[in-house]
Amino acid sequence: MNRILISIFFICLTGLPSTNADNDIGMSLVSAARKQIGKTVRYYPVYQPITYPNGDVPMDRGVCTDVIVRAFRAGLGLDLQKLVHEDMKRNFKEYPNDWGLGSPDKNIDHRRVGNLQTYLKRRGCSRAISKNADDYKPGDVVTCTVPPHLPHIMIVSDKKTISGRPLVIHNIGAGTKEEDRLFEFELTAHYRIKRIDQMPSVDAAEPGH
């Protein structure tokens, strides 16, 4: 009996493994994001010049977008810093102008939720937003608004609660963690990467460019 109780307690803490683990791209993102847990232990929203391409702040720190950028690099071999920067150079007016910039900044553009949303939408990765847990698969990228108006971005995990709600991997203020917070805040976007070739900059993939 004690062993059964211990097992149930462990499942409540860690979540149930998903039975739908055949999405190689999604699972690659989940695995790469999960490896950041215990390594990225600080929330660090300070602007900092970084190298280009494949630039990064020190692994022990970062913001919510850094979880995504690092997972794409380690899991899929895709550098969102370079991809977003190149697309912004060609299509700057398509991106949010919330920061008063007149041109792209390769140090920070890929580290802003609005820019990642725009890039993923332009690449055809958008999915419908719903409150149905079954609509969210491992490796999906979701965004939300943390009150009063802070944009946030997360990766959907392959682990679920007993009720079937997927956990998320994110950095919301205390380093990268895997938590039951998918529906805690109002969702603003939902993305799924089905193929690696979705990711080259938009114009480069269009006929005639």
N, C-alpha and C. Protein backbone atom coordinates (compact mmCIF):
# COMPACT_ATOMS: atom_id res chain seq x y z
N MET A 1 0.83 -1.20 0.00
CA MET A 1 0.00 0.00 0.00
C MET A 1 0.87 1.26 0.00
N ASN A 2 1.93 1.24 0.82
CA ASN A 2 2.82 2.40 0.90
C ASN A 2 3.47 2.67 -0.45
N ARG A 3 3.84 1.60 -1.15
CA ARG A 3 4.47 1.78 -2.47
C ARG A 3 3.49 2.41 -3.45
N ILE A 4 2.24 1.99 -3.39
CA ILE A 4 1.22 2.56 -4.29
C ILE A 4 1.03 4.04 -4.00
N LEU A 5 0.94 4.40 -2.72
CA LEU A 5 0.78 5.80 -2.35
C LEU A 5 1.96 6.64 -2.79
N ILE A 6 3.16 6.11 -2.64
CA ILE A 6 4.36 6.83 -3.07
C ILE A 6 4.34 7.03 -4.57
N SER A 7 3.92 6.00 -5.32
CA SER A 7 3.86 6.10 -6.77
C SER A 7 2.87 7.17 -7.21
N ILE A 8 1.69 7.19 -6.56
CA ILE A 8 0.69 8.20 -6.89
C ILE A 8 1.21 9.59 -6.58
N PHE A 9 1.89 9.75 -5.45
CA PHE A 9 2.45 11.05 -5.07
C PHE A 9 3.48 11.51 -6.08
N PHE A 10 4.31 10.59 -6.55
CA PHE A 10 5.34 10.95 -7.54
C PHE A 10 4.71 11.39 -8.85
N ILE A 11 3.66 10.68 -9.28
CA ILE A 11 2.98 11.04 -10.53
C ILE A 11 2.37 12.43 -10.41
N CYS A 12 1.79 12.75 -9.26
CA CYS A 12 1.19 14.08 -9.08
C CYS A 12 2.23 15.18 -9.19
N LEU A 13 3.43 14.90 -8.77
CA LEU A 13 4.50 15.90 -8.84
C LEU A 13 5.07 16.04 -10.24
N THR A 14 5.26 14.95 -10.93
CA THR A 14 5.99 14.97 -12.20
C THR A 14 5.10 14.93 -13.42
N GLY A 15 3.89 14.47 -13.30
CA GLY A 15 3.01 14.35 -14.45
C GLY A 15 3.15 12.99 -15.12
N LEU A 16 2.12 12.62 -15.84
CA LEU A 16 2.13 11.35 -16.57
C LEU A 16 2.81 11.51 -17.91
N PRO A 17 3.62 10.53 -18.36
CA PRO A 17 4.20 10.61 -19.70
C PRO A 17 3.11 10.49 -20.74
N SER A 18 3.27 11.23 -21.84
CA SER A 18 2.29 11.18 -22.91
C SER A 18 2.38 9.87 -23.67
N THR A 19 1.22 9.40 -24.16
CA THR A 19 1.22 8.19 -24.98
C THR A 19 1.39 8.53 -26.45
N ASN A 20 1.36 9.85 -26.78
CA ASN A 20 1.51 10.28 -28.16
C ASN A 20 2.88 10.91 -28.33
N ALA A 21 3.91 10.06 -28.46
CA ALA A 21 5.28 10.55 -28.52
C ALA A 21 5.90 10.29 -29.88
N ASP A 22 5.07 10.27 -30.94
CA ASP A 22 5.58 9.96 -32.27
C ASP A 22 5.90 11.21 -33.07
N ASN A 23 5.77 12.37 -32.48
CA ASN A 23 6.11 13.62 -33.15
C ASN A 23 7.59 13.89 -32.90
N ASP A 24 8.45 13.50 -33.84
CA ASP A 24 9.89 13.62 -33.63
C ASP A 24 10.33 15.05 -33.42
N ILE A 25 9.78 15.97 -34.20
CA ILE A 25 10.16 17.37 -34.04
C ILE A 25 9.71 17.88 -32.68
N GLY A 26 8.47 17.59 -32.33
CA GLY A 26 7.97 18.04 -31.03
C GLY A 26 8.75 17.46 -29.88
N MET A 27 9.06 16.18 -29.94
CA MET A 27 9.80 15.56 -28.85
C MET A 27 11.23 16.06 -28.78
N SER A 28 11.81 16.41 -29.93
CA SER A 28 13.15 16.99 -29.93
C SER A 28 13.16 18.33 -29.20
N LEU A 29 12.12 19.13 -29.43
CA LEU A 29 12.00 20.41 -28.73
C LEU A 29 11.80 20.20 -27.24
N VAL A 30 10.94 19.26 -26.88
CA VAL A 30 10.69 18.98 -25.46
C VAL A 30 11.98 18.53 -24.77
N SER A 31 12.69 17.61 -25.39
CA SER A 31 13.92 17.10 -24.79
C SER A 31 14.95 18.20 -24.60
N ALA A 32 15.09 19.04 -25.63
CA ALA A 32 16.08 20.13 -25.55
C ALA A 32 15.68 21.16 -24.50
N ALA A 33 14.39 21.44 -24.39
CA ALA A 33 13.93 22.39 -23.38
C ALA A 33 14.12 21.82 -21.98
N ARG A 34 13.81 20.54 -21.81
CA ARG A 34 13.92 19.91 -20.49
C ARG A 34 15.36 19.89 -19.99
N LYS A 35 16.32 19.81 -20.90
CA LYS A 35 17.73 19.79 -20.50
C LYS A 35 18.18 21.13 -19.92
N GLN A 36 17.38 22.17 -20.10
CA GLN A 36 17.72 23.47 -19.53
C GLN A 36 17.35 23.56 -18.05
N ILE A 37 16.48 22.65 -17.59
CA ILE A 37 16.06 22.66 -16.19
C ILE A 37 17.25 22.35 -15.29
N GLY A 38 17.45 23.18 -14.30
CA GLY A 38 18.59 23.02 -13.40
C GLY A 38 19.85 23.71 -13.89
N LYS A 39 19.86 24.11 -15.17
CA LYS A 39 21.00 24.85 -15.73
C LYS A 39 20.69 26.34 -15.84
N THR A 40 19.48 26.64 -16.30
CA THR A 40 19.03 28.03 -16.34
C THR A 40 18.22 28.27 -15.07
N VAL A 41 18.80 28.98 -14.13
CA VAL A 41 18.21 29.09 -12.80
C VAL A 41 17.82 30.53 -12.44
N ARG A 42 18.03 31.45 -13.39
CA ARG A 42 17.71 32.86 -13.11
C ARG A 42 16.87 33.44 -14.25
N TYR A 43 16.05 34.42 -13.88
CA TYR A 43 15.34 35.22 -14.88
C TYR A 43 16.15 36.49 -15.05
N TYR A 44 16.55 36.78 -16.29
CA TYR A 44 17.52 37.85 -16.54
C TYR A 44 17.07 38.66 -17.75
N PRO A 45 16.25 39.70 -17.53
CA PRO A 45 15.67 40.45 -18.66
C PRO A 45 16.52 41.63 -19.14
N VAL A 46 17.79 41.65 -18.81
CA VAL A 46 18.66 42.77 -19.15
C VAL A 46 19.12 42.68 -20.61
N TYR A 47 19.08 43.81 -21.31
CA TYR A 47 19.62 43.86 -22.68
C TYR A 47 21.13 43.62 -22.61
N GLN A 48 21.61 42.77 -23.51
CA GLN A 48 23.03 42.45 -23.51
C GLN A 48 23.50 42.14 -24.92
N PRO A 49 24.56 42.81 -25.39
CA PRO A 49 25.12 42.46 -26.70
C PRO A 49 25.60 41.01 -26.70
N ILE A 50 25.29 40.28 -27.77
CA ILE A 50 25.72 38.89 -27.88
C ILE A 50 26.29 38.67 -29.28
N THR A 51 26.98 37.56 -29.45
CA THR A 51 27.58 37.25 -30.75
C THR A 51 26.48 36.93 -31.75
N TYR A 52 26.85 36.92 -33.03
CA TYR A 52 25.90 36.60 -34.10
C TYR A 52 26.65 35.85 -35.19
N PRO A 53 26.10 34.74 -35.70
CA PRO A 53 24.88 34.06 -35.23
C PRO A 53 25.14 33.20 -34.02
N ASN A 54 24.14 32.45 -33.60
CA ASN A 54 24.22 31.52 -32.46
C ASN A 54 24.65 32.20 -31.17
N GLY A 55 24.25 33.46 -31.02
CA GLY A 55 24.58 34.17 -29.79
C GLY A 55 23.65 33.79 -28.65
N ASP A 56 24.15 33.95 -27.42
CA ASP A 56 23.35 33.61 -26.26
C ASP A 56 23.92 34.32 -25.04
N VAL A 57 23.05 34.58 -24.07
CA VAL A 57 23.51 35.02 -22.76
C VAL A 57 23.98 33.76 -22.03
N PRO A 58 24.69 33.91 -20.90
CA PRO A 58 25.14 32.71 -20.17
C PRO A 58 23.98 31.78 -19.84
N MET A 59 24.22 30.49 -19.91
CA MET A 59 23.18 29.47 -19.76
C MET A 59 22.49 29.52 -18.41
N ASP A 60 23.12 30.05 -17.38
CA ASP A 60 22.49 30.07 -16.06
C ASP A 60 21.38 31.10 -15.94
N ARG A 61 21.18 31.91 -16.99
CA ARG A 61 20.18 32.97 -16.92
C ARG A 61 19.44 33.10 -18.24
N GLY A 62 18.37 33.88 -18.22
CA GLY A 62 17.64 34.10 -19.45
C GLY A 62 16.21 34.51 -19.16
N VAL A 63 15.42 34.63 -20.23
CA VAL A 63 14.00 34.96 -20.13
C VAL A 63 13.20 33.85 -20.82
N CYS A 64 11.88 34.04 -20.91
CA CYS A 64 11.05 32.97 -21.47
C CYS A 64 11.42 32.64 -22.91
N THR A 65 11.77 33.65 -23.69
CA THR A 65 12.11 33.40 -25.09
C THR A 65 13.40 32.61 -25.24
N ASP A 66 14.31 32.74 -24.28
CA ASP A 66 15.57 32.00 -24.37
C ASP A 66 15.34 30.49 -24.28
N VAL A 67 14.31 30.07 -23.56
CA VAL A 67 13.98 28.64 -23.52
C VAL A 67 13.66 28.15 -24.93
N ILE A 68 12.90 28.95 -25.66
CA ILE A 68 12.52 28.57 -27.02
C ILE A 68 13.73 28.58 -27.95
N VAL A 69 14.51 29.65 -27.90
CA VAL A 69 15.67 29.79 -28.78
C VAL A 69 16.65 28.65 -28.55
N ARG A 70 16.92 28.35 -27.30
CA ARG A 70 17.88 27.28 -26.98
C ARG A 70 17.34 25.91 -27.40
N ALA A 71 16.04 25.70 -27.24
CA ALA A 71 15.45 24.41 -27.63
C ALA A 71 15.51 24.23 -29.15
N PHE A 72 15.25 25.29 -29.90
CA PHE A 72 15.32 25.20 -31.36
C PHE A 72 16.75 24.91 -31.81
N ARG A 73 17.73 25.50 -31.17
CA ARG A 73 19.13 25.27 -31.55
C ARG A 73 19.56 23.86 -31.21
N ALA A 74 19.35 23.46 -29.96
CA ALA A 74 19.82 22.15 -29.52
C ALA A 74 18.99 21.02 -30.07
N GLY A 75 17.68 21.24 -30.20
CA GLY A 75 16.79 20.16 -30.61
C GLY A 75 16.61 20.01 -32.10
N LEU A 76 16.63 21.15 -32.83
CA LEU A 76 16.34 21.12 -34.27
C LEU A 76 17.49 21.66 -35.12
N GLY A 77 18.53 22.20 -34.50
CA GLY A 77 19.63 22.77 -35.27
C GLY A 77 19.24 24.05 -35.97
N LEU A 78 18.25 24.77 -35.44
CA LEU A 78 17.78 26.00 -36.05
C LEU A 78 18.11 27.20 -35.16
N ASP A 79 18.70 28.22 -35.74
CA ASP A 79 19.11 29.40 -34.99
C ASP A 79 18.07 30.50 -35.19
N LEU A 80 17.16 30.65 -34.23
CA LEU A 80 16.13 31.67 -34.34
C LEU A 80 16.70 33.08 -34.34
N GLN A 81 17.85 33.27 -33.73
CA GLN A 81 18.47 34.59 -33.79
C GLN A 81 18.71 34.99 -35.24
N LYS A 82 19.32 34.11 -36.01
CA LYS A 82 19.63 34.39 -37.42
C LYS A 82 18.36 34.41 -38.27
N LEU A 83 17.47 33.46 -38.05
CA LEU A 83 16.26 33.36 -38.86
C LEU A 83 15.36 34.58 -38.69
N VAL A 84 15.15 34.99 -37.44
CA VAL A 84 14.32 36.16 -37.18
C VAL A 84 14.99 37.42 -37.70
N HIS A 85 16.29 37.53 -37.48
CA HIS A 85 17.01 38.73 -37.93
C HIS A 85 16.95 38.88 -39.45
N GLU A 86 17.17 37.78 -40.17
CA GLU A 86 17.13 37.86 -41.63
C GLU A 86 15.73 38.21 -42.13
N ASP A 87 14.71 37.63 -41.50
CA ASP A 87 13.35 37.94 -41.92
C ASP A 87 12.98 39.38 -41.59
N MET A 88 13.45 39.88 -40.47
CA MET A 88 13.17 41.26 -40.09
C MET A 88 13.87 42.24 -41.01
N LYS A 89 15.05 41.90 -41.47
CA LYS A 89 15.76 42.79 -42.41
C LYS A 89 14.96 42.96 -43.69
N ARG A 90 14.31 41.89 -44.14
CA ARG A 90 13.54 41.94 -45.38
C ARG A 90 12.13 42.51 -45.18
N ASN A 91 11.60 42.31 -43.98
CA ASN A 91 10.17 42.59 -43.76
C ASN A 91 9.95 43.31 -42.43
N PHE A 92 10.73 44.33 -42.17
CA PHE A 92 10.72 44.99 -40.86
C PHE A 92 9.33 45.50 -40.48
N LYS A 93 8.58 46.00 -41.46
CA LYS A 93 7.27 46.57 -41.17
C LYS A 93 6.24 45.52 -40.78
N GLU A 94 6.55 44.25 -41.02
CA GLU A 94 5.63 43.18 -40.64
C GLU A 94 5.72 42.84 -39.16
N TYR A 95 6.74 43.33 -38.50
CA TYR A 95 6.99 42.99 -37.10
C TYR A 95 6.50 44.09 -36.17
N PRO A 96 6.23 43.76 -34.90
CA PRO A 96 5.77 44.78 -33.95
C PRO A 96 6.79 45.90 -33.80
N ASN A 97 6.29 47.09 -33.64
CA ASN A 97 7.18 48.24 -33.42
C ASN A 97 6.92 48.81 -32.03
N ASP A 98 6.96 47.92 -31.05
CA ASP A 98 6.64 48.31 -29.68
C ASP A 98 7.83 48.91 -28.93
N TRP A 99 9.00 48.89 -29.55
CA TRP A 99 10.20 49.31 -28.83
C TRP A 99 10.85 50.54 -29.46
N GLY A 100 10.19 51.14 -30.43
CA GLY A 100 10.68 52.38 -31.02
C GLY A 100 11.94 52.23 -31.85
N LEU A 101 12.18 51.03 -32.38
CA LEU A 101 13.37 50.81 -33.18
C LEU A 101 13.10 51.13 -34.65
N GLY A 102 14.13 51.60 -35.34
CA GLY A 102 13.99 51.89 -36.76
C GLY A 102 14.59 50.84 -37.65
N SER A 103 15.21 49.82 -37.04
CA SER A 103 15.85 48.75 -37.80
C SER A 103 16.03 47.55 -36.88
N PRO A 104 16.28 46.37 -37.44
CA PRO A 104 16.47 45.17 -36.61
C PRO A 104 17.68 45.29 -35.69
N ASP A 105 17.61 44.60 -34.57
CA ASP A 105 18.72 44.52 -33.62
C ASP A 105 18.98 43.05 -33.34
N LYS A 106 20.05 42.51 -33.89
CA LYS A 106 20.32 41.07 -33.79
C LYS A 106 20.62 40.62 -32.36
N ASN A 107 20.83 41.55 -31.45
CA ASN A 107 21.10 41.18 -30.06
C ASN A 107 19.83 40.83 -29.29
N ILE A 108 18.70 41.37 -29.70
CA ILE A 108 17.51 41.27 -28.87
C ILE A 108 16.25 40.84 -29.60
N ASP A 109 16.17 41.03 -30.91
CA ASP A 109 14.91 40.81 -31.62
C ASP A 109 14.33 39.42 -31.40
N HIS A 110 15.17 38.39 -31.44
CA HIS A 110 14.70 37.02 -31.27
C HIS A 110 14.34 36.71 -29.82
N ARG A 111 14.64 37.61 -28.92
CA ARG A 111 14.37 37.40 -27.50
C ARG A 111 13.10 38.13 -27.06
N ARG A 112 12.31 38.57 -28.04
CA ARG A 112 11.05 39.26 -27.75
C ARG A 112 9.89 38.39 -28.23
N VAL A 113 8.90 38.21 -27.36
CA VAL A 113 7.79 37.31 -27.65
C VAL A 113 7.06 37.73 -28.92
N GLY A 114 6.78 39.01 -29.08
CA GLY A 114 6.05 39.48 -30.25
C GLY A 114 6.74 39.15 -31.56
N ASN A 115 8.06 39.21 -31.57
CA ASN A 115 8.80 38.90 -32.79
C ASN A 115 8.77 37.40 -33.08
N LEU A 116 8.87 36.56 -32.06
CA LEU A 116 8.76 35.12 -32.28
C LEU A 116 7.36 34.76 -32.76
N GLN A 117 6.35 35.41 -32.20
CA GLN A 117 4.99 35.17 -32.67
C GLN A 117 4.85 35.51 -34.15
N THR A 118 5.38 36.65 -34.53
CA THR A 118 5.28 37.10 -35.93
C THR A 118 6.01 36.14 -36.85
N TYR A 119 7.21 35.74 -36.48
CA TYR A 119 7.99 34.84 -37.33
C TYR A 119 7.29 33.49 -37.50
N LEU A 120 6.84 32.91 -36.40
CA LEU A 120 6.18 31.60 -36.48
C LEU A 120 4.87 31.68 -37.26
N LYS A 121 4.14 32.78 -37.11
CA LYS A 121 2.93 32.95 -37.90
C LYS A 121 3.24 33.07 -39.38
N ARG A 122 4.28 33.81 -39.74
CA ARG A 122 4.68 33.98 -41.12
C ARG A 122 5.17 32.67 -41.73
N ARG A 123 5.61 31.76 -40.90
CA ARG A 123 6.08 30.47 -41.39
C ARG A 123 4.95 29.44 -41.47
N GLY A 124 3.75 29.85 -41.19
CA GLY A 124 2.62 28.93 -41.32
C GLY A 124 2.47 27.96 -40.17
N CYS A 125 2.97 28.31 -38.99
CA CYS A 125 2.94 27.39 -37.85
C CYS A 125 1.73 27.59 -36.94
N SER A 126 0.88 28.56 -37.23
CA SER A 126 -0.22 28.90 -36.34
C SER A 126 -1.25 27.77 -36.23
N ARG A 127 -1.75 27.58 -35.03
CA ARG A 127 -2.83 26.64 -34.74
C ARG A 127 -3.93 27.40 -33.99
N ALA A 128 -5.10 26.80 -33.94
CA ALA A 128 -6.20 27.42 -33.21
C ALA A 128 -5.92 27.39 -31.71
N ILE A 129 -6.37 28.44 -31.04
CA ILE A 129 -6.31 28.48 -29.57
C ILE A 129 -7.58 27.82 -29.04
N SER A 130 -7.43 26.96 -28.06
CA SER A 130 -8.60 26.35 -27.45
C SER A 130 -8.30 26.07 -25.98
N LYS A 131 -9.32 25.65 -25.27
CA LYS A 131 -9.15 25.26 -23.88
C LYS A 131 -9.24 23.74 -23.73
N ASN A 132 -9.14 23.06 -24.86
CA ASN A 132 -9.16 21.60 -24.87
C ASN A 132 -7.73 21.09 -24.78
N ALA A 133 -7.41 20.41 -23.70
CA ALA A 133 -6.04 19.94 -23.47
C ALA A 133 -5.53 19.04 -24.59
N ASP A 134 -6.43 18.29 -25.22
CA ASP A 134 -6.02 17.36 -26.27
C ASP A 134 -5.53 18.06 -27.53
N ASP A 135 -5.81 19.35 -27.66
CA ASP A 135 -5.37 20.10 -28.84
C ASP A 135 -3.90 20.50 -28.77
N TYR A 136 -3.26 20.28 -27.64
CA TYR A 136 -1.88 20.71 -27.44
C TYR A 136 -0.97 19.50 -27.38
N LYS A 137 0.00 19.45 -28.30
CA LYS A 137 0.88 18.30 -28.45
C LYS A 137 2.30 18.64 -27.98
N PRO A 138 3.10 17.61 -27.67
CA PRO A 138 4.48 17.86 -27.25
C PRO A 138 5.25 18.68 -28.28
N GLY A 139 5.92 19.71 -27.80
CA GLY A 139 6.71 20.57 -28.67
C GLY A 139 5.96 21.76 -29.21
N ASP A 140 4.64 21.82 -29.03
CA ASP A 140 3.90 23.01 -29.44
C ASP A 140 4.42 24.22 -28.67
N VAL A 141 4.40 25.35 -29.32
CA VAL A 141 4.79 26.61 -28.70
C VAL A 141 3.52 27.41 -28.45
N VAL A 142 3.35 27.89 -27.23
CA VAL A 142 2.17 28.68 -26.90
C VAL A 142 2.60 29.98 -26.23
N THR A 143 1.79 31.02 -26.45
CA THR A 143 2.04 32.30 -25.79
C THR A 143 0.82 32.69 -24.99
N CYS A 144 1.04 33.53 -23.99
CA CYS A 144 -0.04 33.99 -23.14
C CYS A 144 0.30 35.38 -22.63
N THR A 145 -0.64 35.98 -21.92
CA THR A 145 -0.41 37.27 -21.29
C THR A 145 -0.47 37.10 -19.79
N VAL A 146 0.63 37.41 -19.12
CA VAL A 146 0.68 37.38 -17.66
C VAL A 146 0.25 38.75 -17.16
N PRO A 147 -0.78 38.83 -16.34
CA PRO A 147 -1.29 40.13 -15.90
C PRO A 147 -0.20 41.00 -15.27
N PRO A 148 -0.24 42.32 -15.55
CA PRO A 148 -1.33 42.94 -16.31
C PRO A 148 -1.15 42.88 -17.84
N HIS A 149 0.08 42.84 -18.33
CA HIS A 149 0.26 42.88 -19.79
C HIS A 149 1.60 42.32 -20.24
N LEU A 150 2.14 41.34 -19.53
CA LEU A 150 3.45 40.79 -19.85
C LEU A 150 3.31 39.60 -20.79
N PRO A 151 3.86 39.69 -22.01
CA PRO A 151 3.80 38.53 -22.92
C PRO A 151 4.73 37.43 -22.45
N HIS A 152 4.29 36.20 -22.63
CA HIS A 152 5.05 35.05 -22.14
C HIS A 152 4.95 33.93 -23.17
N ILE A 153 5.99 33.09 -23.26
CA ILE A 153 6.03 32.01 -24.25
C ILE A 153 6.52 30.73 -23.59
N MET A 154 5.95 29.58 -24.02
CA MET A 154 6.23 28.30 -23.37
C MET A 154 6.26 27.18 -24.40
N ILE A 155 6.87 26.06 -24.04
CA ILE A 155 6.84 24.84 -24.85
C ILE A 155 5.99 23.80 -24.14
N VAL A 156 5.07 23.19 -24.86
CA VAL A 156 4.21 22.16 -24.29
C VAL A 156 5.01 20.88 -24.09
N SER A 157 4.89 20.30 -22.92
CA SER A 157 5.63 19.08 -22.56
C SER A 157 4.90 17.82 -23.03
N ASP A 158 5.59 16.69 -22.99
CA ASP A 158 4.96 15.40 -23.24
C ASP A 158 4.38 14.80 -21.97
N LYS A 159 4.64 15.43 -20.83
CA LYS A 159 4.07 14.97 -19.57
C LYS A 159 2.73 15.66 -19.32
N LYS A 160 1.84 14.94 -18.64
CA LYS A 160 0.51 15.46 -18.37
C LYS A 160 0.14 15.25 -16.90
N THR A 161 -0.82 16.04 -16.47
CA THR A 161 -1.40 15.80 -15.16
C THR A 161 -2.30 14.57 -15.23
N ILE A 162 -2.76 14.12 -14.10
CA ILE A 162 -3.65 12.97 -14.07
C ILE A 162 -4.92 13.25 -14.86
N SER A 163 -5.34 14.51 -14.88
CA SER A 163 -6.56 14.87 -15.61
C SER A 163 -6.32 15.01 -17.11
N GLY A 164 -5.05 14.90 -17.55
CA GLY A 164 -4.75 14.94 -18.98
C GLY A 164 -4.29 16.27 -19.50
N ARG A 165 -4.03 17.22 -18.65
CA ARG A 165 -3.57 18.54 -19.07
C ARG A 165 -2.05 18.54 -19.22
N PRO A 166 -1.52 18.92 -20.39
CA PRO A 166 -0.07 18.93 -20.58
C PRO A 166 0.63 19.94 -19.67
N LEU A 167 1.79 19.57 -19.20
CA LEU A 167 2.65 20.52 -18.52
C LEU A 167 3.30 21.42 -19.57
N VAL A 168 3.96 22.49 -19.11
CA VAL A 168 4.73 23.35 -20.00
C VAL A 168 6.14 23.52 -19.44
N ILE A 169 7.08 23.78 -20.35
CA ILE A 169 8.46 24.07 -19.97
C ILE A 169 8.70 25.53 -20.31
N HIS A 170 9.12 26.30 -19.30
CA HIS A 170 9.23 27.75 -19.50
C HIS A 170 10.08 28.37 -18.40
N ASN A 171 10.35 29.66 -18.56
CA ASN A 171 11.02 30.46 -17.53
C ASN A 171 10.13 31.66 -17.27
N ILE A 172 9.41 31.61 -16.19
CA ILE A 172 8.47 32.68 -15.87
C ILE A 172 8.97 33.55 -14.72
N GLY A 173 10.21 33.31 -14.30
CA GLY A 173 10.77 34.17 -13.26
C GLY A 173 11.78 33.52 -12.34
N ALA A 174 11.89 32.21 -12.38
CA ALA A 174 12.81 31.52 -11.46
C ALA A 174 13.62 30.47 -12.18
N GLY A 175 13.94 30.71 -13.44
CA GLY A 175 14.69 29.73 -14.21
C GLY A 175 13.76 28.78 -14.94
N THR A 176 14.33 27.91 -15.76
CA THR A 176 13.54 26.99 -16.57
C THR A 176 12.94 25.90 -15.69
N LYS A 177 11.62 25.73 -15.81
CA LYS A 177 10.91 24.74 -15.01
C LYS A 177 9.86 24.05 -15.86
N GLU A 178 9.41 22.87 -15.41
CA GLU A 178 8.35 22.11 -16.06
C GLU A 178 7.16 22.09 -15.10
N GLU A 179 6.06 22.73 -15.50
CA GLU A 179 4.98 22.97 -14.55
C GLU A 179 3.60 22.82 -15.19
N ASP A 180 2.61 22.67 -14.35
CA ASP A 180 1.22 22.59 -14.77
C ASP A 180 0.64 24.01 -14.82
N ARG A 181 0.92 24.73 -15.94
CA ARG A 181 0.48 26.13 -16.02
C ARG A 181 -0.03 26.50 -17.42
N LEU A 182 -0.40 25.50 -18.21
CA LEU A 182 -0.81 25.76 -19.59
C LEU A 182 -1.98 26.74 -19.67
N PHE A 183 -2.98 26.55 -18.83
CA PHE A 183 -4.20 27.37 -18.91
C PHE A 183 -4.30 28.38 -17.77
N GLU A 184 -3.19 28.63 -17.09
CA GLU A 184 -3.24 29.56 -15.96
C GLU A 184 -3.52 30.99 -16.42
N PHE A 185 -2.97 31.37 -17.57
CA PHE A 185 -3.14 32.71 -18.10
C PHE A 185 -3.83 32.64 -19.47
N GLU A 186 -4.37 33.76 -19.89
CA GLU A 186 -5.06 33.80 -21.18
C GLU A 186 -4.09 33.51 -22.32
N LEU A 187 -4.37 32.48 -23.10
CA LEU A 187 -3.52 32.15 -24.24
C LEU A 187 -3.75 33.13 -25.38
N THR A 188 -2.66 33.50 -26.05
CA THR A 188 -2.74 34.46 -27.15
C THR A 188 -2.32 33.88 -28.48
N ALA A 189 -1.62 32.74 -28.49
CA ALA A 189 -1.22 32.11 -29.75
C ALA A 189 -0.79 30.67 -29.48
N HIS A 190 -0.85 29.87 -30.55
CA HIS A 190 -0.53 28.45 -30.49
C HIS A 190 0.14 28.07 -31.81
N TYR A 191 1.34 27.47 -31.73
CA TYR A 191 2.10 27.14 -32.93
C TYR A 191 2.57 25.69 -32.87
N ARG A 192 2.72 25.11 -34.07
CA ARG A 192 3.26 23.75 -34.17
C ARG A 192 4.18 23.68 -35.38
N ILE A 193 5.41 23.20 -35.17
CA ILE A 193 6.38 23.04 -36.26
C ILE A 193 6.26 21.62 -36.77
N LYS A 194 5.81 21.47 -38.00
CA LYS A 194 5.61 20.15 -38.58
C LYS A 194 6.81 19.67 -39.38
N ARG A 195 7.52 20.63 -39.98
CA ARG A 195 8.67 20.27 -40.82
C ARG A 195 9.79 21.28 -40.58
N ILE A 196 11.03 20.80 -40.63
CA ILE A 196 12.17 21.69 -40.45
C ILE A 196 12.20 22.76 -41.53
N ASP A 197 11.78 22.41 -42.75
CA ASP A 197 11.87 23.38 -43.84
C ASP A 197 10.80 24.46 -43.75
N GLN A 198 9.98 24.44 -42.71
CA GLN A 198 9.10 25.57 -42.45
C GLN A 198 9.89 26.79 -41.98
N MET A 199 11.10 26.56 -41.49
CA MET A 199 11.79 27.60 -40.76
C MET A 199 12.69 28.54 -41.56
N PRO A 200 13.20 28.20 -42.77
CA PRO A 200 14.01 29.19 -43.48
C PRO A 200 13.26 30.49 -43.63
N SER A 201 13.99 31.61 -43.71
CA SER A 201 13.33 32.91 -43.78
C SER A 201 12.32 32.92 -44.91
N VAL A 202 11.23 33.61 -44.70
CA VAL A 202 10.07 33.53 -45.57
C VAL A 202 10.39 33.83 -47.01
N ASP A 203 11.01 34.97 -47.27
CA ASP A 203 11.25 35.36 -48.67
C ASP A 203 12.19 34.41 -49.38
N ALA A 204 13.15 33.84 -48.65
CA ALA A 204 14.11 32.93 -49.27
C ALA A 204 13.43 31.67 -49.75
N ALA A 205 12.28 31.34 -49.14
CA ALA A 205 11.59 30.10 -49.50
C ALA A 205 10.50 30.33 -50.53
N GLU A 206 10.24 31.58 -50.90
CA GLU A 206 9.18 31.88 -51.85
C GLU A 206 9.71 31.85 -53.27
N PRO A 207 8.91 31.39 -54.23
CA PRO A 207 9.34 31.38 -55.62
C PRO A 207 9.71 32.78 -56.09
N GLY A 208 10.80 32.84 -56.84
CA GLY A 208 11.22 34.13 -57.38
C GLY A 208 12.20 34.87 -56.51
N HIS A 209 12.51 34.33 -55.31
CA HIS A 209 13.46 34.96 -54.43
C HIS A 209 14.74 34.13 -54.37
